[in-house]
Protein backbone atom coordinates (compact mmCIF):
# COMPACT_ATOMS: atom_id res chain seq x y z
CA UNK A 1 82.44 85.45 94.16
CA UNK A 2 85.65 83.68 93.29
CA UNK A 3 85.90 80.06 91.95
CA UNK A 4 88.93 78.19 91.55
CA UNK A 5 89.39 74.70 89.63
CA UNK A 6 92.23 72.18 90.31
CA UNK A 7 92.84 69.52 87.79
CA UNK A 8 95.24 66.46 88.34
CA UNK A 9 95.00 62.81 87.72
CA UNK A 10 96.60 61.92 91.19
CA UNK A 11 94.10 62.12 94.05
CA UNK A 12 96.92 62.49 96.36
CA UNK A 13 98.07 65.45 94.86
CA UNK A 14 94.45 67.00 94.96
CA UNK A 15 94.10 66.08 98.50
CA UNK A 16 97.54 67.75 99.29
CA UNK A 17 96.50 70.93 97.77
CA UNK A 18 93.26 70.82 99.29
CA UNK A 19 94.72 70.58 102.91
CA UNK A 20 98.02 72.72 102.21
CA UNK A 21 96.71 75.51 100.25
CA UNK A 22 94.53 78.16 102.26
CA UNK A 23 91.96 79.14 99.74
CA UNK A 24 89.51 80.54 102.01
CA UNK A 25 92.04 82.91 103.85
CA UNK A 26 93.25 84.11 100.35
CA UNK A 27 89.38 85.02 99.45
CA UNK A 28 88.54 82.01 97.38
CA UNK A 29 84.84 81.14 97.90
CA UNK A 30 84.57 77.76 96.00
CA UNK A 31 87.19 75.36 95.10
CA UNK A 32 86.54 72.43 92.58
CA UNK A 33 88.61 69.34 92.17
CA UNK A 34 88.76 67.25 88.95
CA UNK A 35 90.94 64.10 87.90
CA UNK A 36 90.75 64.73 84.36
CA UNK A 37 89.81 66.94 81.34
CA UNK A 38 86.33 65.48 80.87
CA UNK A 39 85.54 66.16 84.47
CA UNK A 40 87.14 69.45 84.42
CA UNK A 41 85.14 70.56 81.22
CA UNK A 42 81.87 69.46 83.13
CA UNK A 43 82.75 71.54 86.12
CA UNK A 44 83.18 74.66 83.85
CA UNK A 45 79.98 74.21 82.05
CA UNK A 46 78.06 74.15 85.44
CA UNK A 47 80.12 76.83 87.30
CA UNK A 48 81.98 80.21 86.37
CA UNK A 49 85.57 79.15 87.01
CA UNK A 50 87.64 82.21 87.67
CA UNK A 51 91.19 80.48 87.93
CA UNK A 52 92.19 76.91 86.75
CA UNK A 53 95.26 74.88 87.77
CA UNK A 54 95.86 72.15 85.28
CA UNK A 55 98.47 69.06 85.38
CA UNK A 56 99.92 68.71 82.19
CA UNK A 57 100.74 64.95 82.20
CA UNK A 58 97.44 63.09 82.45
CA UNK A 59 96.10 60.01 80.72
CA UNK A 60 94.03 60.52 77.84
CA UNK A 61 93.42 64.19 77.20
CA UNK A 62 96.50 65.91 78.81
CA UNK A 63 96.59 69.55 80.24
CA UNK A 64 97.99 71.13 77.11
CA UNK A 65 94.74 70.05 75.21
CA UNK A 66 92.71 71.10 77.91
CA UNK A 67 94.36 74.34 78.19
CA UNK A 68 93.53 75.13 74.54
CA UNK A 69 90.10 73.95 74.97
CA UNK A 70 89.41 76.05 78.18
CA UNK A 71 91.22 79.03 76.38
CA UNK A 72 88.70 78.84 73.34
CA UNK A 73 85.50 78.38 75.40
CA UNK A 74 86.38 80.69 78.43
CA UNK A 75 88.99 83.14 77.19
CA UNK A 76 88.43 85.33 80.35
CA UNK A 77 89.39 82.53 82.76
CA UNK A 78 92.92 82.58 84.24
CA UNK A 79 94.91 79.32 83.62
CA UNK A 80 98.04 78.16 85.21
CA UNK A 81 99.92 75.03 84.19
CA UNK A 82 101.32 72.38 86.67
CA UNK A 83 104.06 69.83 85.44
CA UNK A 84 106.76 67.67 87.02
CA UNK A 85 108.91 68.09 83.73
CA UNK A 86 111.02 71.18 83.06
CA UNK A 87 110.58 70.97 79.35
CA UNK A 88 111.28 74.14 77.16
CA UNK A 89 108.24 73.13 75.09
CA UNK A 90 105.94 73.17 77.78
CA UNK A 91 106.95 76.72 78.84
CA UNK A 92 106.57 77.74 74.93
CA UNK A 93 103.13 76.30 74.98
CA UNK A 94 101.98 78.13 78.10
CA UNK A 95 103.17 81.48 76.87
CA UNK A 96 101.78 80.92 73.11
CA UNK A 97 98.23 80.02 74.90
CA UNK A 98 98.28 83.03 77.07
CA UNK A 99 98.68 81.05 80.35
CA UNK A 100 99.17 83.15 83.45
CA UNK A 101 101.96 81.16 85.11
CA UNK A 102 103.87 77.80 84.84
CA UNK A 103 104.76 75.90 88.19
CA UNK A 104 107.04 72.99 88.33
CA UNK A 105 105.99 69.98 90.63
CA UNK A 106 106.55 69.10 93.25
CA UNK A 107 105.95 72.53 94.40
CA UNK A 108 105.74 73.74 98.00
CA UNK A 109 102.01 74.88 99.02
CA UNK A 110 103.48 78.17 99.76
CA UNK A 111 104.64 78.69 96.02
CA UNK A 112 101.25 77.79 95.08
CA UNK A 113 99.67 80.20 97.66
CA UNK A 114 102.04 83.06 96.06
CA UNK A 115 100.81 82.15 92.45
CA UNK A 116 97.34 82.08 93.49
CA UNK A 117 97.66 85.30 95.11
CA UNK A 118 99.12 86.93 91.88
CA UNK A 119 96.28 85.26 89.76
CA UNK A 120 93.81 86.76 92.27
CA UNK A 121 95.31 90.12 91.98
CA UNK A 122 95.20 89.85 88.21
CA UNK A 123 91.64 88.48 88.27
CA UNK A 124 90.69 91.71 90.19
CA UNK A 125 92.39 93.93 87.75
CA UNK A 126 90.60 92.18 84.93
CA UNK A 127 87.26 92.60 86.52
CA UNK A 128 87.90 96.11 87.15
CA UNK A 129 88.57 96.74 83.62
CA UNK A 130 85.68 94.81 82.41
CA UNK A 131 83.59 97.07 84.86
CA UNK A 132 85.20 100.06 83.56
CA UNK A 133 84.47 99.02 80.01
CA UNK A 134 80.66 98.54 80.88
CA UNK A 135 80.71 101.94 82.38
CA UNK A 136 82.42 103.27 79.26
CA UNK A 137 79.57 101.80 77.19
CA UNK A 138 77.02 103.11 79.56
CA UNK A 139 78.59 106.58 79.45
CA UNK A 140 78.71 106.23 75.49
CA UNK A 141 75.09 105.27 75.46
CA UNK A 142 74.12 108.04 77.98
CA UNK A 143 76.62 110.70 76.62
CA UNK A 144 74.04 113.26 76.02
CA UNK A 145 72.67 112.95 79.70
CA UNK A 146 76.22 113.08 81.23
CA UNK A 147 77.49 115.99 79.20
CA UNK A 148 73.92 117.76 79.62
CA UNK A 149 74.64 117.59 83.54
CA UNK A 150 78.39 118.57 83.29
CA UNK A 151 77.35 121.69 81.13
CA UNK A 152 74.58 122.52 83.48
CA UNK A 153 76.86 122.80 86.37
CA UNK A 154 78.69 125.71 84.45
CA UNK A 155 75.61 127.82 85.44
CA UNK A 156 75.97 127.01 89.19
CA UNK A 157 76.44 130.00 91.61
CA UNK A 158 78.84 127.60 93.48
CA UNK A 159 82.37 128.19 92.23
CA UNK A 160 83.51 124.71 93.11
CA UNK A 161 80.69 123.25 90.88
CA UNK A 162 81.92 125.40 87.97
CA UNK A 163 85.40 124.26 88.72
CA UNK A 164 84.74 120.37 88.62
CA UNK A 165 82.87 120.75 85.18
CA UNK A 166 85.72 122.77 83.56
CA UNK A 167 88.01 119.91 84.91
CA UNK A 168 85.88 117.21 83.60
CA UNK A 169 85.48 118.88 80.23
CA UNK A 170 89.16 119.44 79.85
CA UNK A 171 89.69 115.61 80.54
CA UNK A 172 87.24 115.17 77.94
CA UNK A 173 89.30 116.96 75.38
CA UNK A 174 87.06 120.26 75.54
CA UNK A 175 89.75 123.09 76.10
CA UNK A 176 87.45 125.37 78.18
CA UNK A 177 88.96 127.41 81.04
CA UNK A 178 88.26 130.43 83.29
CA UNK A 179 88.48 133.74 81.45
CA UNK A 180 87.57 132.31 78.06
CA UNK A 181 85.05 133.84 75.83
CA UNK A 182 81.83 131.91 75.41
CA UNK A 183 78.86 132.78 73.45
CA UNK A 184 75.37 131.63 74.43
CA UNK A 185 72.47 130.34 72.29
CA UNK A 186 69.00 129.75 73.81
CA UNK A 187 66.83 127.35 71.95
CA UNK A 188 63.15 127.92 73.00
CA UNK A 189 61.11 124.76 71.61
CA UNK A 190 57.48 125.65 71.66
CA UNK A 191 55.91 122.24 71.97
CA UNK A 192 58.76 120.15 73.85
CA UNK A 193 58.20 122.56 76.91
CA UNK A 194 54.72 121.23 77.56
CA UNK A 195 54.49 117.50 77.93
CA UNK A 196 50.93 117.36 76.76
CA UNK A 197 52.09 118.83 73.23
CA UNK A 198 55.50 117.34 73.03
CA UNK A 199 56.40 116.19 69.52
CA UNK A 200 60.09 115.10 69.89
CA UNK A 201 62.42 113.67 72.49
CA UNK A 202 65.32 115.82 74.28
CA UNK A 203 68.04 113.41 72.64
CA UNK A 204 66.36 114.07 69.24
CA UNK A 205 66.48 118.02 69.61
CA UNK A 206 70.19 117.66 71.00
CA UNK A 207 71.14 115.62 67.87
CA UNK A 208 69.35 118.22 65.87
CA UNK A 209 71.31 121.17 67.25
CA UNK A 210 74.40 119.18 66.72
CA UNK A 211 73.67 118.35 63.14
CA UNK A 212 72.45 122.06 62.27
CA UNK A 213 75.93 123.42 63.71
CA UNK A 214 77.66 121.16 61.51
CA UNK A 215 75.78 121.89 58.29
CA UNK A 216 76.16 125.89 59.33
CA UNK A 217 79.73 125.24 59.47
CA UNK A 218 79.93 126.42 62.99
CA UNK A 219 82.70 123.57 63.43
CA UNK A 220 86.28 123.52 64.52
CA UNK A 221 88.13 125.42 65.78
CA UNK A 222 84.47 126.51 67.14
CA UNK A 223 83.41 123.99 69.92
CA UNK A 224 79.91 123.37 71.20
CA UNK A 225 78.40 122.18 74.27
CA UNK A 226 74.63 121.73 74.89
CA UNK A 227 72.27 121.45 77.93
CA UNK A 228 68.69 121.67 78.84
CA UNK A 229 67.59 123.61 81.69
CA UNK A 230 64.61 123.09 84.30
CA UNK A 231 62.67 125.18 82.04
CA UNK A 232 62.98 122.82 79.20
CA UNK A 233 64.69 125.46 77.11
CA UNK A 234 67.97 124.26 75.41
CA UNK A 235 71.36 126.43 75.80
CA UNK A 236 74.20 125.90 73.27
CA UNK A 237 77.62 127.19 74.31
CA UNK A 238 80.21 128.14 71.75
CA UNK A 239 83.87 128.59 72.30
CA UNK A 240 87.13 128.35 70.59
CA UNK A 241 89.56 125.74 70.72
CA UNK A 242 92.46 127.90 70.01
CA UNK A 243 93.92 130.63 72.22
CA UNK A 244 92.22 133.49 70.18
CA UNK A 245 88.43 133.79 69.66
CA UNK A 246 86.98 132.25 66.70
CA UNK A 247 84.73 134.43 64.36
CA UNK A 248 81.36 133.34 63.32
CA UNK A 249 79.65 134.99 60.35
CA UNK A 250 76.25 136.25 60.83
CA UNK A 251 74.80 134.04 57.99
CA UNK A 252 75.88 131.05 59.96
CA UNK A 253 73.72 131.67 62.87
CA UNK A 254 70.54 131.96 60.34
CA UNK A 255 71.72 128.80 58.62
CA UNK A 256 71.94 127.05 61.93
CA UNK A 257 68.39 128.09 62.82
CA UNK A 258 67.04 127.04 59.26
CA UNK A 259 68.63 123.79 59.58
CA UNK A 260 67.43 123.06 63.02
CA UNK A 261 64.05 124.03 62.08
CA UNK A 262 63.90 121.87 59.11
CA UNK A 263 65.27 119.00 61.07
CA UNK A 264 62.28 118.90 63.51
CA UNK A 265 59.41 119.81 61.13
CA UNK A 266 56.79 119.23 63.95
CA UNK A 267 58.36 121.72 66.26
CA UNK A 268 58.30 125.37 66.25
CA UNK A 269 61.68 126.91 67.54
CA UNK A 270 62.78 130.76 68.68
CA UNK A 271 66.67 131.03 68.66
CA UNK A 272 68.07 133.77 70.83
CA UNK A 273 71.93 134.69 70.19
CA UNK A 274 73.78 136.31 73.02
CA UNK A 275 77.10 138.03 73.19
CA UNK A 276 80.57 136.86 73.69
CA UNK A 277 81.65 137.28 77.41
CA UNK A 278 83.77 135.58 79.83
CA UNK A 279 82.78 132.17 81.25
CA UNK A 280 82.86 133.91 84.64
CA UNK A 281 79.74 135.87 83.52
CA UNK A 282 78.11 132.83 82.12
CA UNK A 283 75.32 132.69 84.66
CA UNK A 284 74.33 136.32 84.54
CA UNK A 285 74.47 136.76 80.88
CA UNK A 286 72.27 133.75 80.43
CA UNK A 287 69.73 135.23 82.82
CA UNK A 288 69.89 138.60 81.02
CA UNK A 289 69.20 136.98 77.75
CA UNK A 290 66.23 134.84 79.14
CA UNK A 291 64.64 137.73 80.90
CA UNK A 292 65.26 140.47 78.33
CA UNK A 293 64.50 138.69 75.04
CA UNK A 294 63.12 135.11 75.68
CA UNK A 295 60.54 135.97 78.01
CA UNK A 296 59.40 138.95 75.99
CA UNK A 297 58.48 137.01 73.18
CA UNK A 298 55.08 136.19 74.75
CA UNK A 299 53.58 135.35 71.44
CA UNK A 300 56.08 132.40 71.16
CA UNK A 301 56.93 133.41 67.59
CA UNK A 302 59.42 131.22 65.79
CA UNK A 303 62.55 133.01 64.48
CA UNK A 304 66.17 134.05 65.38
CA UNK A 305 66.87 137.00 67.58
CA UNK A 306 70.23 138.84 68.48
CA UNK A 307 70.98 140.38 71.60
CA UNK A 308 71.08 144.09 70.99
CA UNK A 309 71.54 145.98 74.05
CA UNK A 310 69.67 147.02 77.20
CA UNK A 311 65.80 146.74 77.14
CA UNK A 312 63.55 149.86 77.27
CA UNK A 313 61.14 150.37 79.80
CA UNK A 314 57.55 149.32 79.77
CA UNK A 315 55.16 151.59 77.97
CA UNK A 316 51.56 151.88 79.09
CA UNK A 317 48.90 152.29 76.10
CA UNK A 318 46.02 152.81 78.45
CA UNK A 319 45.14 153.00 82.23
CA UNK A 320 44.96 149.61 83.35
CA UNK A 321 43.24 150.73 86.56
CA UNK A 322 40.46 152.45 84.62
CA UNK A 323 39.86 149.48 82.49
CA UNK A 324 39.76 147.16 85.58
CA UNK A 325 36.72 148.93 87.17
CA UNK A 326 34.87 148.84 83.69
CA UNK A 327 35.77 145.18 83.21
CA UNK A 328 34.45 144.11 86.57
CA UNK A 329 31.34 146.07 85.77
CA UNK A 330 30.91 144.16 82.39
CA UNK A 331 31.42 140.86 84.34
CA UNK A 332 28.67 141.44 86.59
CA UNK A 333 26.46 142.65 83.76
CA UNK A 334 26.94 139.22 82.05
CA UNK A 335 28.36 140.94 79.09
CA UNK A 336 31.23 138.49 78.79
CA UNK A 337 31.83 138.48 75.00
CA UNK A 338 32.44 142.19 75.07
CA UNK A 339 34.74 141.95 78.01
CA UNK A 340 36.65 139.10 76.20
CA UNK A 341 37.00 141.27 73.07
CA UNK A 342 38.13 144.28 75.24
CA UNK A 343 40.68 142.28 76.98
CA UNK A 344 42.03 140.74 73.77
CA UNK A 345 42.36 144.10 72.27
CA UNK A 346 44.56 145.11 75.54
CA UNK A 347 46.64 142.14 74.60
CA UNK A 348 47.09 142.90 71.05
CA UNK A 349 48.10 146.45 72.26
CA UNK A 350 50.46 145.24 74.50
CA UNK A 351 52.43 143.12 71.85
CA UNK A 352 52.30 145.76 69.44
CA UNK A 353 53.50 148.78 71.58
CA UNK A 354 54.99 147.86 74.91
CA UNK A 355 58.72 147.02 75.13
CA UNK A 356 58.46 145.02 78.39
CA UNK A 357 55.62 142.71 77.12
CA UNK A 358 56.38 139.86 79.53
CA UNK A 359 55.90 142.27 82.62
CA UNK A 360 52.88 143.97 81.06
CA UNK A 361 51.26 140.61 80.59
CA UNK A 362 52.18 139.74 84.04
CA UNK A 363 50.38 142.93 85.35
CA UNK A 364 47.42 142.48 83.19
CA UNK A 365 47.21 138.59 84.52
CA UNK A 366 47.52 139.90 88.14
CA UNK A 367 44.59 142.34 87.58
CA UNK A 368 42.35 139.96 85.79
CA UNK A 369 42.90 137.35 88.46
CA UNK A 370 41.64 139.92 91.07
CA UNK A 371 38.71 140.62 89.12
CA UNK A 372 37.60 137.00 88.49
CA UNK A 373 38.30 135.68 92.14
CA UNK A 374 36.31 138.55 93.48
CA UNK A 375 33.55 137.84 91.29
CA UNK A 376 33.56 134.18 92.26
CA UNK A 377 33.93 135.10 95.96
CA UNK A 378 30.87 137.65 95.85
CA UNK A 379 28.73 134.95 94.09
CA UNK A 380 29.65 132.48 97.08
CA UNK A 381 31.49 129.88 94.72
CA UNK A 382 34.31 127.83 96.17
CA UNK A 383 37.44 128.78 94.14
CA UNK A 384 38.82 125.20 94.55
CA UNK A 385 36.01 123.93 92.37
CA UNK A 386 37.23 126.21 89.50
CA UNK A 387 39.98 123.98 88.32
CA UNK A 388 40.25 120.51 87.49
CA UNK A 389 42.65 117.91 85.66
CA UNK A 390 42.03 119.13 82.27
CA UNK A 391 42.79 122.73 83.51
CA UNK A 392 44.55 123.12 86.68
CA UNK A 393 45.40 126.10 89.06
CA UNK A 394 48.86 125.86 88.04
CA UNK A 395 47.78 126.32 84.41
CA UNK A 396 46.03 129.36 85.06
CA UNK A 397 48.65 131.01 87.42
CA UNK A 398 51.27 130.25 84.68
CA UNK A 399 49.07 131.62 81.83
CA UNK A 400 50.74 135.03 81.66
CA UNK A 401 53.94 133.76 80.08
CA UNK A 402 52.55 133.78 76.59
CA UNK A 403 49.45 135.66 74.90
CA UNK A 404 47.65 132.41 73.83
CA UNK A 405 47.59 130.86 77.12
CA UNK A 406 46.53 134.08 78.65
CA UNK A 407 43.73 134.23 76.24
CA UNK A 408 42.65 130.82 77.04
CA UNK A 409 42.88 131.57 80.80
CA UNK A 410 40.33 134.69 80.18
CA UNK A 411 37.98 132.37 78.09
CA UNK A 412 38.03 129.60 80.77
CA UNK A 413 37.35 132.00 83.61
CA UNK A 414 34.50 133.72 81.39
CA UNK A 415 32.99 130.27 80.89
CA UNK A 416 32.95 129.40 84.45
CA UNK A 417 31.24 132.75 85.35
CA UNK A 418 28.62 131.93 82.77
CA UNK A 419 27.94 128.67 84.15
CA UNK A 420 27.74 130.13 87.61
CA UNK A 421 25.27 132.63 86.41
CA UNK A 422 23.12 129.77 84.94
CA UNK A 423 23.31 127.57 87.93
CA UNK A 424 22.57 130.20 90.62
CA UNK A 425 18.91 131.32 89.58
CA UNK A 426 16.51 130.92 86.87
CA UNK A 427 16.64 133.65 84.35
CA UNK A 428 13.21 135.02 82.99
CA UNK A 429 12.75 134.86 79.21
CA UNK A 430 13.84 138.57 78.96
CA UNK A 431 16.78 138.12 81.10
CA UNK A 432 17.92 135.23 78.85
CA UNK A 433 17.43 137.26 75.75
CA UNK A 434 19.40 140.17 77.26
CA UNK A 435 22.22 137.83 77.82
CA UNK A 436 22.08 136.22 74.46
CA UNK A 437 22.33 139.58 72.84
CA UNK A 438 25.24 140.54 74.93
CA UNK A 439 26.98 137.42 74.12
CA UNK A 440 26.41 137.65 70.45
CA UNK A 441 27.15 141.24 69.77
CA UNK A 442 29.52 140.20 66.93
CA UNK A 443 26.91 138.75 65.20
CA UNK A 444 23.98 140.18 63.04
CA UNK A 445 21.48 139.10 65.54
CA UNK A 446 17.80 139.35 64.58
CA UNK A 447 14.58 139.37 66.67
CA UNK A 448 13.99 135.68 65.50
CA UNK A 449 17.23 134.66 66.56
CA UNK A 450 16.51 135.82 70.02
CA UNK A 451 12.89 134.48 70.27
CA UNK A 452 14.31 131.08 68.95
CA UNK A 453 16.85 131.11 71.98
CA UNK A 454 14.38 131.54 74.47
CA UNK A 455 11.72 129.34 72.80
CA UNK A 456 8.96 131.76 72.08
CA UNK A 457 7.40 132.86 68.77
CA UNK A 458 8.70 136.08 67.41
CA UNK A 459 5.49 137.73 67.79
CA UNK A 460 4.82 136.75 71.26
CA UNK A 461 8.41 137.42 72.52
CA UNK A 462 8.32 141.09 70.73
CA UNK A 463 5.25 141.78 72.93
CA UNK A 464 6.58 140.51 76.00
CA UNK A 465 9.94 142.35 75.73
CA UNK A 466 7.97 145.67 75.15
CA UNK A 467 5.74 145.01 78.12
CA UNK A 468 8.81 144.29 80.61
CA UNK A 469 11.32 146.90 79.26
CA UNK A 470 9.43 149.61 77.71
CA UNK A 471 11.63 149.00 74.61
CA UNK A 472 11.09 147.54 71.21
CA UNK A 473 13.30 144.66 70.80
CA UNK A 474 14.88 145.89 67.54
CA UNK A 475 15.74 149.35 69.11
CA UNK A 476 17.22 147.62 72.24
CA UNK A 477 19.63 145.21 69.93
CA UNK A 478 20.91 148.25 68.19
CA UNK A 479 21.18 150.52 71.08
CA UNK A 480 23.30 147.56 73.11
CA UNK A 481 25.47 147.50 69.86
CA UNK A 482 26.25 151.09 70.05
CA UNK A 483 26.91 151.22 73.55
CA UNK A 484 29.33 148.38 72.88
CA UNK A 485 30.81 150.48 70.10
CA UNK A 486 31.26 153.44 72.58
CA UNK A 487 33.12 151.39 75.03
CA UNK A 488 35.56 149.78 72.42
CA UNK A 489 36.13 153.17 70.88
CA UNK A 490 37.02 154.64 74.18
CA UNK A 491 38.97 151.81 75.56
CA UNK A 492 40.79 149.97 72.72
CA UNK A 493 43.04 150.82 70.06
CA UNK A 494 41.03 149.54 67.30
CA UNK A 495 40.14 151.76 64.60
CA UNK A 496 36.32 152.81 63.97
CA UNK A 497 35.95 150.27 60.96
CA UNK A 498 37.53 147.48 62.97
CA UNK A 499 34.83 148.38 65.84
CA UNK A 500 32.13 148.24 63.24
CA UNK A 501 33.42 144.59 62.01
CA UNK A 502 33.83 143.41 65.52
CA UNK A 503 30.07 144.33 66.25
CA UNK A 504 28.86 142.46 63.31
CA UNK A 505 28.52 145.39 60.93
CA UNK A 506 29.73 144.57 57.45
CA UNK A 507 28.41 147.81 55.96
CA UNK A 508 30.38 150.62 57.45
CA UNK A 509 27.81 153.36 56.22
CA UNK A 510 24.90 151.52 57.95
CA UNK A 511 26.94 151.42 61.20
CA UNK A 512 27.82 155.20 61.02
CA UNK A 513 23.96 155.93 60.58
CA UNK A 514 22.71 153.99 63.47
CA UNK A 515 25.45 155.26 65.76
CA UNK A 516 24.51 159.09 64.78
CA UNK A 517 20.74 158.08 65.40
CA UNK A 518 21.56 157.47 69.09
CA UNK A 519 24.42 159.85 69.79
CA UNK A 520 23.84 162.60 67.53
CA UNK A 521 27.33 162.21 66.12
CA UNK A 522 29.22 159.77 63.91
CA UNK A 523 31.56 157.36 65.44
CA UNK A 524 34.80 159.19 64.15
CA UNK A 525 33.31 162.35 65.62
CA UNK A 526 32.72 160.54 69.01
CA UNK A 527 36.49 159.31 69.16
CA UNK A 528 37.50 162.96 68.22
CA UNK A 529 35.58 164.13 71.14
CA UNK A 530 37.16 161.65 73.47
CA UNK A 531 40.67 163.00 72.63
CA UNK A 532 39.69 166.56 73.12
CA UNK A 533 38.20 165.80 76.39
């Protein structure tokens, strides 16, 4: 929308300009005419005038006074003086007050049109500059988001995307070029990656990283760029502003990590430092660092980790296939607590001994998924009913990424299995007692505890249990614990003393005596016999 104002105290002049100047053809949308300064100011207050033509010689407040008032009130307006006197003082005034032009009257309408064309060109130029200024403010306000996108494009598999980002970065003052050595730092925040537990914003982490680099003196000639990927992990790119590579002391990385951790105290970070390599290898090096080191930190331990070389192969501490068969049997028997402890033991063993921890957890998760889904299928449960808003199918399928999420998944599925058992058929008092004992093997369960659970007196329940099983309830509890101990000794990496503690024995001697009573050998001798076999 372009609006023009013409001010002259002679109506004949106004009428002549209205008829003789082709405003519409030149792109003017609205033309206002005023016969004096007061009327002109009123028009400007009510309408956003872009260009004003003003006669100098007017009664009362002349055009020079009006010009100064418009300059003060509307500094972006283009102002042009019209006068019938070629006086030098008028030309000086127009220059001093920033007028766009000065036209001597009477002037041919073509001359006024030519002046208007130039004014319109200037108006468009000013509008474009103002728009660019607004874009500049927008870019400055959203600099993090803009640079984030540009840097992320450096990891693209499409060469033209990389070239475009390099060109943009060079225009922005970053001397980054093909063939240049770049170092990758992957910053893995524990809580930010999960929106439900997020403790700070993306912008806050970006700022914390920049501040930490500065405090660690990783500064010029070392330059840095940051981005965050779809996996919600942050990447820092370090490179030299000079032709030769810049050396960074090892202590500087540790200081950077310490400063970053201190800047966001509610967040937990792991920092992975990659090797220096040409920018052409950026995508491959980032993927290698992620797959080899980041994903292997399945416990999500905070700390700083340095790339040291090729990863080793996965080590198998026990036969997973054999364990899977036994776990399916334990699940079917309702021995869920024992099953959960044994799976937890395998997870701990994976963390301690396997090199490819992430791959091992993925294999374990796959086997457990087969066990659980087969169990629910065999018991006529619709698998779609297993999950809800609080814990979704996606949550379960992604649980192999970390030890804690995998443990949570196992616990969740075991709870669902327990609920299914209770819903499908009413259990007898003796069956409920057996389930209670199996679920509480880690506790020093007494006859009264079991009787209270089924709602019977200890005396009556003892007789009932003996009558239905042919076994004394005390003997059953101890024998069940011994059987569980044998399973754990045979199929976990726990020491014998740890097995005793896991099964609720605080006195190791008592555990040994009970075990020997039922197996005719001590737990240690039993473990030795397994290795010999």
